[in-house]
């Protein structure tokens, strides 16, 4: 999984966090099958969830105050 290397984590740790975010409705986890690459997992941000909006606002505030 490309995301594992991008966040410098392990698959198990990342999967646990993805499952938690999905349970809270912050992300949408999809599995799509492609013939050439096998199973592909797509993780999308659920921008309609109020929790997501609060999380994004908090991250922007933290980023603005180094």
C-alpha atoms as a PDB file:
ATOM      1  CA  UNK A   1       0.000   0.000   0.000  1.00  0.00           C
ATOM      2  CA  UNK A   2       1.472   3.329  -1.071  1.00  0.00           C
ATOM      3  CA  UNK A   3      -0.029   5.105   1.916  1.00  0.00           C
ATOM      4  CA  UNK A   4       1.974   2.954   4.343  1.00  0.00           C
ATOM      5  CA  UNK A   5       5.245   4.192   2.899  1.00  0.00           C
ATOM      6  CA  UNK A   6       4.025   7.794   2.588  1.00  0.00           C
ATOM      7  CA  UNK A   7       3.186   8.017   6.291  1.00  0.00           C
ATOM      8  CA  UNK A   8       6.158   5.865   7.335  1.00  0.00           C
ATOM      9  CA  UNK A   9       4.007   3.344   9.191  1.00  0.00           C
ATOM     10  CA  UNK A  10       3.143  -0.335   9.216  1.00  0.00           C
ATOM     11  CA  UNK A  11       0.162  -1.858   7.440  1.00  0.00           C
ATOM     12  CA  UNK A  12      -1.429  -3.004  10.714  1.00  0.00           C
ATOM     13  CA  UNK A  13      -1.097   0.414  12.337  1.00  0.00           C
ATOM     14  CA  UNK A  14      -2.434   2.196   9.262  1.00  0.00           C
ATOM     15  CA  UNK A  15      -5.297  -0.259   8.878  1.00  0.00           C
ATOM     16  CA  UNK A  16      -6.302   0.244  12.534  1.00  0.00           C
ATOM     17  CA  UNK A  17      -6.373   4.027  12.056  1.00  0.00           C
ATOM     18  CA  UNK A  18      -8.280   3.769   8.774  1.00  0.00           C
ATOM     19  CA  UNK A  19     -10.883   1.549  10.439  1.00  0.00           C
ATOM     20  CA  UNK A  20     -11.276   4.053  13.292  1.00  0.00           C
ATOM     21  CA  UNK A  21     -11.699   6.988  10.887  1.00  0.00           C
ATOM     22  CA  UNK A  22     -14.185   4.974   8.836  1.00  0.00           C
ATOM     23  CA  UNK A  23     -16.183   4.074  11.958  1.00  0.00           C
ATOM     24  CA  UNK A  24     -16.414   7.797  12.800  1.00  0.00           C
ATOM     25  CA  UNK A  25     -17.545   8.547   9.236  1.00  0.00           C
ATOM     26  CA  UNK A  26     -14.520  10.763   8.508  1.00  0.00           C
ATOM     27  CA  UNK A  27     -13.347   8.653   5.581  1.00  0.00           C
ATOM     28  CA  UNK A  28     -14.956   6.351   3.039  1.00  0.00           C
ATOM     29  CA  UNK A  29     -13.060   3.135   2.425  1.00  0.00           C
ATOM     30  CA  UNK A  30     -13.625   1.480  -0.969  1.00  0.00           C
ATOM     31  CA  UNK A  31     -12.217  -1.629  -2.554  1.00  0.00           C
ATOM     32  CA  UNK A  32     -12.076  -1.852  -6.337  1.00  0.00           C
ATOM     33  CA  UNK A  33     -10.801  -4.741  -8.383  1.00  0.00           C
ATOM     34  CA  UNK A  34      -8.564  -4.220 -11.392  1.00  0.00           C
ATOM     35  CA  UNK A  35      -7.366  -7.079 -13.521  1.00  0.00           C
ATOM     36  CA  UNK A  36      -3.770  -5.935 -13.771  1.00  0.00           C
ATOM     37  CA  UNK A  37      -3.142  -4.749 -10.228  1.00  0.00           C
ATOM     38  CA  UNK A  38      -5.440  -7.022  -8.237  1.00  0.00           C
ATOM     39  CA  UNK A  39      -7.387  -5.390  -5.440  1.00  0.00           C
ATOM     40  CA  UNK A  40      -7.070  -1.634  -5.034  1.00  0.00           C
ATOM     41  CA  UNK A  41      -8.130   0.192  -1.891  1.00  0.00           C
ATOM     42  CA  UNK A  42      -9.324   3.772  -2.244  1.00  0.00           C
ATOM     43  CA  UNK A  43      -9.659   5.958   0.845  1.00  0.00           C
ATOM     44  CA  UNK A  44     -11.670   9.152   0.396  1.00  0.00           C
ATOM     45  CA  UNK A  45     -12.338  11.993   2.806  1.00  0.00           C
ATOM     46  CA  UNK A  46     -16.030  12.346   3.697  1.00  0.00           C
ATOM     47  CA  UNK A  47     -16.338  16.120   3.409  1.00  0.00           C
ATOM     48  CA  UNK A  48     -20.048  16.058   4.326  1.00  0.00           C
ATOM     49  CA  UNK A  49     -19.384  14.783   7.856  1.00  0.00           C
ATOM     50  CA  UNK A  50     -19.302  17.563  10.506  1.00  0.00           C
ATOM     51  CA  UNK A  51     -16.474  15.732  12.315  1.00  0.00           C
ATOM     52  CA  UNK A  52     -14.382  15.944   9.158  1.00  0.00           C
ATOM     53  CA  UNK A  53     -14.945  19.686   8.918  1.00  0.00           C
ATOM     54  CA  UNK A  54     -13.859  20.166  12.545  1.00  0.00           C
ATOM     55  CA  UNK A  55     -10.790  17.978  12.032  1.00  0.00           C
ATOM     56  CA  UNK A  56      -9.755  19.895   8.896  1.00  0.00           C
ATOM     57  CA  UNK A  57     -10.231  23.263  10.629  1.00  0.00           C
ATOM     58  CA  UNK A  58      -8.109  22.078  13.556  1.00  0.00           C
ATOM     59  CA  UNK A  59      -5.339  20.855  11.252  1.00  0.00           C
ATOM     60  CA  UNK A  60      -5.345  24.161   9.370  1.00  0.00           C
ATOM     61  CA  UNK A  61      -5.064  26.054  12.656  1.00  0.00           C
ATOM     62  CA  UNK A  62      -2.151  23.891  13.759  1.00  0.00           C
ATOM     63  CA  UNK A  63      -0.452  24.329  10.389  1.00  0.00           C
ATOM     64  CA  UNK A  64      -0.862  28.113  10.559  1.00  0.00           C
ATOM     65  CA  UNK A  65       0.824  28.278  14.003  1.00  0.00           C
ATOM     66  CA  UNK A  66       4.225  26.566  13.655  1.00  0.00           C
END
